[in-house]
Each structure stands twice: as C-alpha cells, then as structure tokens.
Amino acid sequence: MPPHNIDEWAALITIMSILLTGLIGLINIWIIRPLKDMMSNLSEKFGTLNRTLEIMQGDVDRIDEKVNDHEKRIYGLEIQTHPES
C-alpha cells in the first residue's frame, strides 16, 4: 500500500536515504578504495619504469658514442692504409 500522509513519506525517504548511503559506503569500501590503492601502486611502478628507462637510455647513448669513435678510428686507419681510395 503506498504512503498516504507526510509522516509515511518522510519515513520512506529516510529509509531510502539510509539504504542509499549504505550502498554508497559499500561501493566505496569494496570498489573505490582498492582501485585507489591499485592506481597508487601503478603510479609507483611507472615511476620506477621511467627511472629504469632513463638509465638504459644513458647506456645506449654511451654505447652509441663508443661505436661512433670506433667507426672514426676505422675510417682513419682505412685512409692511412689505402690513401688512393
């Protein structure tokens, strides 16, 4: 039977508000908090990955410089041994 007076409507709205607040609280506890924790952990992992990639890029740059130096030396030796080329 639907509510007929203001007291019944107020009681129904109060009950619905309590249920909705409880549902939002459960969603926060079961879904939102774990997602926030996962996002924080993921951000930390991305930071670590970025630092690792910067170190690797430095290594690649140093290797590239050494390769260029070796190529220049080889080219210089080729010119010394074969000046007619």
PDB file of N, CA and C in Angstrom:
ATOM      1  N   MET A   1       0.839  -1.165   0.000  1.00  0.00           N
ATOM      2  CA  MET A   1       0.000   0.000   0.000  1.00  0.00           C
ATOM      3  C   MET A   1       0.901   1.251   0.000  1.00  0.00           C
ATOM      4  N   PRO A   2       0.693   2.192  -0.913  1.00  0.00           N
ATOM      5  CA  PRO A   2       1.520   3.398  -0.981  1.00  0.00           C
ATOM      6  C   PRO A   2       1.283   4.321   0.214  1.00  0.00           C
ATOM      7  N   PRO A   3       2.299   5.142   0.566  1.00  0.00           N
ATOM      8  CA  PRO A   3       2.136   6.069   1.688  1.00  0.00           C
ATOM      9  C   PRO A   3       1.060   7.119   1.385  1.00  0.00           C
ATOM     10  N   HIS A   4       0.306   7.516   2.440  1.00  0.00           N
ATOM     11  CA  HIS A   4      -0.800   8.458   2.234  1.00  0.00           C
ATOM     12  C   HIS A   4      -0.565   9.810   2.895  1.00  0.00           C
ATOM     13  N   ASN A   5       0.212   9.867   3.950  1.00  0.00           N
ATOM     14  CA  ASN A   5       0.404  11.161   4.602  1.00  0.00           C
ATOM     15  C   ASN A   5       1.889  11.515   4.659  1.00  0.00           C
ATOM     16  N   ILE A   6       2.180  12.700   5.141  1.00  0.00           N
ATOM     17  CA  ILE A   6       3.539  13.224   5.147  1.00  0.00           C
ATOM     18  C   ILE A   6       4.476  12.408   6.028  1.00  0.00           C
ATOM     19  N   ASP A   7       3.980  11.869   7.134  1.00  0.00           N
ATOM     20  CA  ASP A   7       4.824  11.055   8.021  1.00  0.00           C
ATOM     21  C   ASP A   7       5.278   9.782   7.324  1.00  0.00           C
ATOM     22  N   GLU A   8       4.389   9.162   6.575  1.00  0.00           N
ATOM     23  CA  GLU A   8       4.748   7.949   5.850  1.00  0.00           C
ATOM     24  C   GLU A   8       5.760   8.256   4.747  1.00  0.00           C
ATOM     25  N   TRP A   9       5.571   9.380   4.050  1.00  0.00           N
ATOM     26  CA  TRP A   9       6.520   9.785   3.006  1.00  0.00           C
ATOM     27  C   TRP A   9       7.892  10.088   3.622  1.00  0.00           C
ATOM     28  N   ALA A  10       7.914  10.775   4.743  1.00  0.00           N
ATOM     29  CA  ALA A  10       9.172  11.107   5.406  1.00  0.00           C
ATOM     30  C   ALA A  10       9.900   9.834   5.849  1.00  0.00           C
ATOM     31  N   ALA A  11       9.143   8.880   6.392  1.00  0.00           N
ATOM     32  CA  ALA A  11       9.747   7.619   6.810  1.00  0.00           C
ATOM     33  C   ALA A  11      10.315   6.876   5.598  1.00  0.00           C
ATOM     34  N   LEU A  12       9.586   6.855   4.493  1.00  0.00           N
ATOM     35  CA  LEU A  12      10.047   6.189   3.273  1.00  0.00           C
ATOM     36  C   LEU A  12      11.310   6.858   2.733  1.00  0.00           C
ATOM     37  N   ILE A  13      11.334   8.182   2.710  1.00  0.00           N
ATOM     38  CA  ILE A  13      12.511   8.910   2.224  1.00  0.00           C
ATOM     39  C   ILE A  13      13.705   8.654   3.145  1.00  0.00           C
ATOM     40  N   THR A  14      13.470   8.623   4.444  1.00  0.00           N
ATOM     41  CA  THR A  14      14.554   8.351   5.400  1.00  0.00           C
ATOM     42  C   THR A  14      15.124   6.956   5.189  1.00  0.00           C
ATOM     43  N   ILE A  15      14.265   5.987   5.043  1.00  0.00           N
ATOM     44  CA  ILE A  15      14.725   4.604   4.813  1.00  0.00           C
ATOM     45  C   ILE A  15      15.508   4.506   3.506  1.00  0.00           C
ATOM     46  N   MET A  16      15.002   5.142   2.454  1.00  0.00           N
ATOM     47  CA  MET A  16      15.695   5.118   1.157  1.00  0.00           C
ATOM     48  C   MET A  16      17.048   5.826   1.261  1.00  0.00           C
ATOM     49  N   SER A  17      17.111   6.923   2.005  1.00  0.00           N
ATOM     50  CA  SER A  17      18.372   7.652   2.183  1.00  0.00           C
ATOM     51  C   SER A  17      19.394   6.791   2.922  1.00  0.00           C
ATOM     52  N   ILE A  18      18.940   6.115   3.975  1.00  0.00           N
ATOM     53  CA  ILE A  18      19.841   5.244   4.739  1.00  0.00           C
ATOM     54  C   ILE A  18      20.358   4.111   3.855  1.00  0.00           C
ATOM     55  N   LEU A  19      19.469   3.488   3.078  1.00  0.00           N
ATOM     56  CA  LEU A  19      19.888   2.403   2.185  1.00  0.00           C
ATOM     57  C   LEU A  19      20.869   2.908   1.123  1.00  0.00           C
ATOM     58  N   LEU A  20      20.583   4.071   0.558  1.00  0.00           N
ATOM     59  CA  LEU A  20      21.463   4.637  -0.462  1.00  0.00           C
ATOM     60  C   LEU A  20      22.829   4.986   0.127  1.00  0.00           C
ATOM     61  N   THR A  21      22.848   5.578   1.313  1.00  0.00           N
ATOM     62  CA  THR A  21      24.114   5.897   1.980  1.00  0.00           C
ATOM     63  C   THR A  21      24.899   4.624   2.270  1.00  0.00           C
ATOM     64  N   GLY A  22      24.234   3.588   2.741  1.00  0.00           N
ATOM     65  CA  GLY A  22      24.905   2.311   2.990  1.00  0.00           C
ATOM     66  C   GLY A  22      25.466   1.716   1.711  1.00  0.00           C
ATOM     67  N   LEU A  23      24.704   1.779   0.638  1.00  0.00           N
ATOM     68  CA  LEU A  23      25.161   1.254  -0.654  1.00  0.00           C
ATOM     69  C   LEU A  23      26.380   2.019  -1.152  1.00  0.00           C
ATOM     70  N   ILE A  24      26.348   3.334  -1.034  1.00  0.00           N
ATOM     71  CA  ILE A  24      27.494   4.144  -1.453  1.00  0.00           C
ATOM     72  C   ILE A  24      28.709   3.816  -0.589  1.00  0.00           C
ATOM     73  N   GLY A  25      28.503   3.619   0.705  1.00  0.00           N
ATOM     74  CA  GLY A  25      29.608   3.243   1.594  1.00  0.00           C
ATOM     75  C   GLY A  25      30.212   1.907   1.206  1.00  0.00           C
ATOM     76  N   LEU A  26      29.365   0.938   0.891  1.00  0.00           N
ATOM     77  CA  LEU A  26      29.872  -0.376   0.477  1.00  0.00           C
ATOM     78  C   LEU A  26      30.631  -0.286  -0.838  1.00  0.00           C
ATOM     79  N   ILE A  27      30.111   0.493  -1.770  1.00  0.00           N
ATOM     80  CA  ILE A  27      30.811   0.675  -3.052  1.00  0.00           C
ATOM     81  C   ILE A  27      32.172   1.308  -2.802  1.00  0.00           C
ATOM     82  N   ASN A  28      32.206   2.275  -1.896  1.00  0.00           N
ATOM     83  CA  ASN A  28      33.483   2.923  -1.567  1.00  0.00           C
ATOM     84  C   ASN A  28      34.465   1.913  -0.977  1.00  0.00           C
ATOM     85  N   ILE A  29      34.008   1.089  -0.058  1.00  0.00           N
ATOM     86  CA  ILE A  29      34.889   0.127   0.607  1.00  0.00           C
ATOM     87  C   ILE A  29      35.319  -0.990  -0.341  1.00  0.00           C
ATOM     88  N   TRP A  30      34.383  -1.528  -1.120  1.00  0.00           N
ATOM     89  CA  TRP A  30      34.681  -2.686  -1.958  1.00  0.00           C
ATOM     90  C   TRP A  30      35.314  -2.341  -3.298  1.00  0.00           C
ATOM     91  N   ILE A  31      35.021  -1.148  -3.834  1.00  0.00           N
ATOM     92  CA  ILE A  31      35.486  -0.843  -5.190  1.00  0.00           C
ATOM     93  C   ILE A  31      36.442   0.345  -5.221  1.00  0.00           C
ATOM     94  N   ILE A  32      36.040   1.479  -4.678  1.00  0.00           N
ATOM     95  CA  ILE A  32      36.810   2.706  -4.825  1.00  0.00           C
ATOM     96  C   ILE A  32      38.163   2.625  -4.112  1.00  0.00           C
ATOM     97  N   ARG A  33      38.172   2.214  -2.851  1.00  0.00           N
ATOM     98  CA  ARG A  33      39.437   2.140  -2.106  1.00  0.00           C
ATOM     99  C   ARG A  33      40.437   1.182  -2.754  1.00  0.00           C
ATOM    100  N   PRO A  34      40.029  -0.048  -3.124  1.00  0.00           N
ATOM    101  CA  PRO A  34      41.003  -0.929  -3.797  1.00  0.00           C
ATOM    102  C   PRO A  34      41.515  -0.342  -5.112  1.00  0.00           C
ATOM    103  N   LEU A  35      40.640   0.344  -5.859  1.00  0.00           N
ATOM    104  CA  LEU A  35      41.086   0.956  -7.111  1.00  0.00           C
ATOM    105  C   LEU A  35      42.092   2.074  -6.848  1.00  0.00           C
ATOM    106  N   LYS A  36      41.850   2.869  -5.816  1.00  0.00           N
ATOM    107  CA  LYS A  36      42.809   3.925  -5.465  1.00  0.00           C
ATOM    108  C   LYS A  36      44.149   3.331  -5.084  1.00  0.00           C
ATOM    109  N   ASP A  37      44.118   2.257  -4.304  1.00  0.00           N
ATOM    110  CA  ASP A  37      45.367   1.600  -3.916  1.00  0.00           C
ATOM    111  C   ASP A  37      46.104   1.053  -5.131  1.00  0.00           C
ATOM    112  N   MET A  38      45.352   0.444  -6.053  1.00  0.00           N
ATOM    113  CA  MET A  38      45.976  -0.091  -7.266  1.00  0.00           C
ATOM    114  C   MET A  38      46.564   1.026  -8.120  1.00  0.00           C
ATOM    115  N   MET A  39      45.849   2.148  -8.227  1.00  0.00           N
ATOM    116  CA  MET A  39      46.346   3.272  -9.020  1.00  0.00           C
ATOM    117  C   MET A  39      47.623   3.846  -8.399  1.00  0.00           C
ATOM    118  N   SER A  40      47.660   3.936  -7.082  1.00  0.00           N
ATOM    119  CA  SER A  40      48.857   4.431  -6.403  1.00  0.00           C
ATOM    120  C   SER A  40      50.035   3.493  -6.656  1.00  0.00           C
ATOM    121  N   ASN A  41      49.789   2.211  -6.546  1.00  0.00           N
ATOM    122  CA  ASN A  41      50.827   1.213  -6.800  1.00  0.00           C
ATOM    123  C   ASN A  41      51.286   1.283  -8.252  1.00  0.00           C
ATOM    124  N   LEU A  42      50.338   1.430  -9.172  1.00  0.00           N
ATOM    125  CA  LEU A  42      50.675   1.516 -10.588  1.00  0.00           C
ATOM    126  C   LEU A  42      51.495   2.767 -10.880  1.00  0.00           C
ATOM    127  N   SER A  43      51.147   3.883 -10.261  1.00  0.00           N
ATOM    128  CA  SER A  43      51.915   5.119 -10.451  1.00  0.00           C
ATOM    129  C   SER A  43      53.343   4.940  -9.962  1.00  0.00           C
ATOM    130  N   GLU A  44      53.498   4.267  -8.837  1.00  0.00           N
ATOM    131  CA  GLU A  44      54.831   3.998  -8.307  1.00  0.00           C
ATOM    132  C   GLU A  44      55.628   3.127  -9.272  1.00  0.00           C
ATOM    133  N   LYS A  45      54.980   2.114  -9.830  1.00  0.00           N
ATOM    134  CA  LYS A  45      55.659   1.225 -10.779  1.00  0.00           C
ATOM    135  C   LYS A  45      56.073   1.984 -12.037  1.00  0.00           C
ATOM    136  N   PHE A  46      55.205   2.902 -12.514  1.00  0.00           N
ATOM    137  CA  PHE A  46      55.556   3.691 -13.690  1.00  0.00           C
ATOM    138  C   PHE A  46      56.750   4.601 -13.398  1.00  0.00           C
ATOM    139  N   GLY A  47      56.816   5.138 -12.180  1.00  0.00           N
ATOM    140  CA  GLY A  47      57.966   5.950 -11.799  1.00  0.00           C
ATOM    141  C   GLY A  47      59.249   5.139 -11.836  1.00  0.00           C
ATOM    142  N   THR A  48      59.187   3.931 -11.309  1.00  0.00           N
ATOM    143  CA  THR A  48      60.351   3.035 -11.331  1.00  0.00           C
ATOM    144  C   THR A  48      60.729   2.696 -12.766  1.00  0.00           C
ATOM    145  N   LEU A  49      59.736   2.432 -13.594  1.00  0.00           N
ATOM    146  CA  LEU A  49      59.994   2.125 -15.001  1.00  0.00           C
ATOM    147  C   LEU A  49      60.644   3.304 -15.715  1.00  0.00           C
ATOM    148  N   ASN A  50      60.173   4.512 -15.442  1.00  0.00           N
ATOM    149  CA  ASN A  50      60.763   5.692 -16.067  1.00  0.00           C
ATOM    150  C   ASN A  50      62.224   5.865 -15.665  1.00  0.00           C
ATOM    151  N   ARG A  51      62.532   5.650 -14.385  1.00  0.00           N
ATOM    152  CA  ARG A  51      63.923   5.752 -13.943  1.00  0.00           C
ATOM    153  C   ARG A  51      64.787   4.687 -14.627  1.00  0.00           C
ATOM    154  N   THR A  52      64.256   3.476 -14.748  1.00  0.00           N
ATOM    155  CA  THR A  52      64.993   2.403 -15.423  1.00  0.00           C
ATOM    156  C   THR A  52      65.239   2.745 -16.885  1.00  0.00           C
ATOM    157  N   LEU A  53      64.229   3.287 -17.549  1.00  0.00           N
ATOM    158  CA  LEU A  53      64.387   3.662 -18.960  1.00  0.00           C
ATOM    159  C   LEU A  53      65.403   4.788 -19.136  1.00  0.00           C
ATOM    160  N   GLU A  54      65.448   5.730 -18.183  1.00  0.00           N
ATOM    161  CA  GLU A  54      66.449   6.798 -18.256  1.00  0.00           C
ATOM    162  C   GLU A  54      67.855   6.216 -18.123  1.00  0.00           C
ATOM    163  N   ILE A  55      68.031   5.262 -17.226  1.00  0.00           N
ATOM    164  CA  ILE A  55      69.338   4.613 -17.072  1.00  0.00           C
ATOM    165  C   ILE A  55      69.707   3.871 -18.348  1.00  0.00           C
ATOM    166  N   MET A  56      68.743   3.153 -18.908  1.00  0.00           N
ATOM    167  CA  MET A  56      69.002   2.405 -20.141  1.00  0.00           C
ATOM    168  C   MET A  56      69.334   3.345 -21.292  1.00  0.00           C
ATOM    169  N   GLN A  57      68.638   4.489 -21.378  1.00  0.00           N
ATOM    170  CA  GLN A  57      68.919   5.450 -22.441  1.00  0.00           C
ATOM    171  C   GLN A  57      70.329   5.995 -22.301  1.00  0.00           C
ATOM    172  N   GLY A  58      70.770   6.233 -21.077  1.00  0.00           N
ATOM    173  CA  GLY A  58      72.152   6.677 -20.848  1.00  0.00           C
ATOM    174  C   GLY A  58      73.152   5.632 -21.322  1.00  0.00           C
ATOM    175  N   ASP A  59      72.863   4.359 -21.042  1.00  0.00           N
ATOM    176  CA  ASP A  59      73.741   3.279 -21.506  1.00  0.00           C
ATOM    177  C   ASP A  59      73.779   3.224 -23.027  1.00  0.00           C
ATOM    178  N   VAL A  60      72.623   3.362 -23.643  1.00  0.00           N
ATOM    179  CA  VAL A  60      72.557   3.332 -25.113  1.00  0.00           C
ATOM    180  C   VAL A  60      73.336   4.502 -25.708  1.00  0.00           C
ATOM    181  N   ASP A  61      73.218   5.679 -25.102  1.00  0.00           N
ATOM    182  CA  ASP A  61      73.958   6.847 -25.587  1.00  0.00           C
ATOM    183  C   ASP A  61      75.464   6.626 -25.482  1.00  0.00           C
ATOM    184  N   ARG A  62      75.923   6.062 -24.365  1.00  0.00           N
ATOM    185  CA  ARG A  62      77.362   5.789 -24.207  1.00  0.00           C
ATOM    186  C   ARG A  62      77.841   4.755 -25.228  1.00  0.00           C
ATOM    187  N   ILE A  63      77.060   3.726 -25.459  1.00  0.00           N
ATOM    188  CA  ILE A  63      77.431   2.709 -26.454  1.00  0.00           C
ATOM    189  C   ILE A  63      77.483   3.329 -27.843  1.00  0.00           C
ATOM    190  N   ASP A  64      76.529   4.188 -28.144  1.00  0.00           N
ATOM    191  CA  ASP A  64      76.495   4.850 -29.448  1.00  0.00           C
ATOM    192  C   ASP A  64      77.741   5.724 -29.648  1.00  0.00           C
ATOM    193  N   GLU A  65      78.151   6.432 -28.595  1.00  0.00           N
ATOM    194  CA  GLU A  65      79.365   7.244 -28.684  1.00  0.00           C
ATOM    195  C   GLU A  65      80.588   6.371 -28.943  1.00  0.00           C
ATOM    196  N   LYS A  66      80.683   5.236 -28.247  1.00  0.00           N
ATOM    197  CA  LYS A  66      81.824   4.330 -28.448  1.00  0.00           C
ATOM    198  C   LYS A  66      81.839   3.781 -29.862  1.00  0.00           C
ATOM    199  N   VAL A  67      80.659   3.412 -30.376  1.00  0.00           N
ATOM    200  CA  VAL A  67      80.579   2.892 -31.750  1.00  0.00           C
ATOM    201  C   VAL A  67      81.018   3.970 -32.741  1.00  0.00           C
ATOM    202  N   ASN A  68      80.569   5.193 -32.520  1.00  0.00           N
ATOM    203  CA  ASN A  68      80.977   6.284 -33.417  1.00  0.00           C
ATOM    204  C   ASN A  68      82.489   6.505 -33.359  1.00  0.00           C
ATOM    205  N   ASP A  69      83.058   6.465 -32.144  1.00  0.00           N
ATOM    206  CA  ASP A  69      84.512   6.615 -32.014  1.00  0.00           C
ATOM    207  C   ASP A  69      85.245   5.499 -32.755  1.00  0.00           C
ATOM    208  N   HIS A  70      84.773   4.272 -32.622  1.00  0.00           N
ATOM    209  CA  HIS A  70      85.403   3.143 -33.320  1.00  0.00           C
ATOM    210  C   HIS A  70      85.274   3.297 -34.833  1.00  0.00           C
ATOM    211  N   GLU A  71      84.128   3.750 -35.295  1.00  0.00           N
ATOM    212  CA  GLU A  71      83.951   3.943 -36.738  1.00  0.00           C
ATOM    213  C   GLU A  71      84.900   5.013 -37.258  1.00  0.00           C
ATOM    214  N   LYS A  72      85.082   6.086 -36.488  1.00  0.00           N
ATOM    215  CA  LYS A  72      86.021   7.140 -36.910  1.00  0.00           C
ATOM    216  C   LYS A  72      87.441   6.602 -36.958  1.00  0.00           C
ATOM    217  N   ARG A  73      87.835   5.804 -35.966  1.00  0.00           N
ATOM    218  CA  ARG A  73      89.178   5.236 -35.959  1.00  0.00           C
ATOM    219  C   ARG A  73      89.377   4.291 -37.138  1.00  0.00           C
ATOM    220  N   ILE A  74      88.379   3.450 -37.386  1.00  0.00           N
ATOM    221  CA  ILE A  74      88.478   2.509 -38.511  1.00  0.00           C
ATOM    222  C   ILE A  74      88.589   3.274 -39.817  1.00  0.00           C
ATOM    223  N   TYR A  75      87.782   4.311 -39.976  1.00  0.00           N
ATOM    224  CA  TYR A  75      87.831   5.121 -41.195  1.00  0.00           C
ATOM    225  C   TYR A  75      89.203   5.783 -41.340  1.00  0.00           C
ATOM    226  N   GLY A  76      89.730   6.296 -40.209  1.00  0.00           N
ATOM    227  CA  GLY A  76      91.058   6.902 -40.248  1.00  0.00           C
ATOM    228  C   GLY A  76      92.132   5.902 -40.629  1.00  0.00           C
ATOM    229  N   LEU A  77      92.037   4.678 -40.107  1.00  0.00           N
ATOM    230  CA  LEU A  77      93.004   3.635 -40.452  1.00  0.00           C
ATOM    231  C   LEU A  77      92.882   3.237 -41.915  1.00  0.00           C
ATOM    232  N   GLU A  78      91.664   3.171 -42.421  1.00  0.00           N
ATOM    233  CA  GLU A  78      91.478   2.828 -43.835  1.00  0.00           C
ATOM    234  C   GLU A  78      92.085   3.884 -44.742  1.00  0.00           C
ATOM    235  N   ILE A  79      91.950   5.138 -44.362  1.00  0.00           N
ATOM    236  CA  ILE A  79      92.525   6.205 -45.182  1.00  0.00           C
ATOM    237  C   ILE A  79      94.046   6.131 -45.120  1.00  0.00           C
ATOM    238  N   GLN A  80      94.608   5.808 -43.942  1.00  0.00           N
ATOM    239  CA  GLN A  80      96.056   5.696 -43.811  1.00  0.00           C
ATOM    240  C   GLN A  80      96.605   4.520 -44.611  1.00  0.00           C
ATOM    241  N   THR A  81      95.897   3.398 -44.623  1.00  0.00           N
ATOM    242  CA  THR A  81      96.398   2.208 -45.309  1.00  0.00           C
ATOM    243  C   THR A  81      96.087   2.235 -46.805  1.00  0.00           C
ATOM    244  N   HIS A  82      95.025   2.899 -47.193  1.00  0.00           N
ATOM    245  CA  HIS A  82      94.616   2.974 -48.601  1.00  0.00           C
ATOM    246  C   HIS A  82      94.376   4.440 -48.977  1.00  0.00           C
ATOM    247  N   PRO A  83      95.417   5.227 -49.128  1.00  0.00           N
ATOM    248  CA  PRO A  83      95.218   6.660 -49.386  1.00  0.00           C
ATOM    249  C   PRO A  83      94.614   6.947 -50.768  1.00  0.00           C
ATOM    250  N   GLU A  84      94.695   6.022 -51.703  1.00  0.00           N
ATOM    251  CA  GLU A  84      94.159   6.259 -53.043  1.00  0.00           C
ATOM    252  C   GLU A  84      92.646   6.140 -53.108  1.00  0.00           C
ATOM    253  N   SER A  85      91.976   5.598 -52.110  1.00  0.00           N
ATOM    254  CA  SER A  85      90.520   5.381 -52.149  1.00  0.00           C
ATOM    255  C   SER A  85      89.800   6.673 -52.026  1.00  0.00           C
TER     256      SER A  85
END
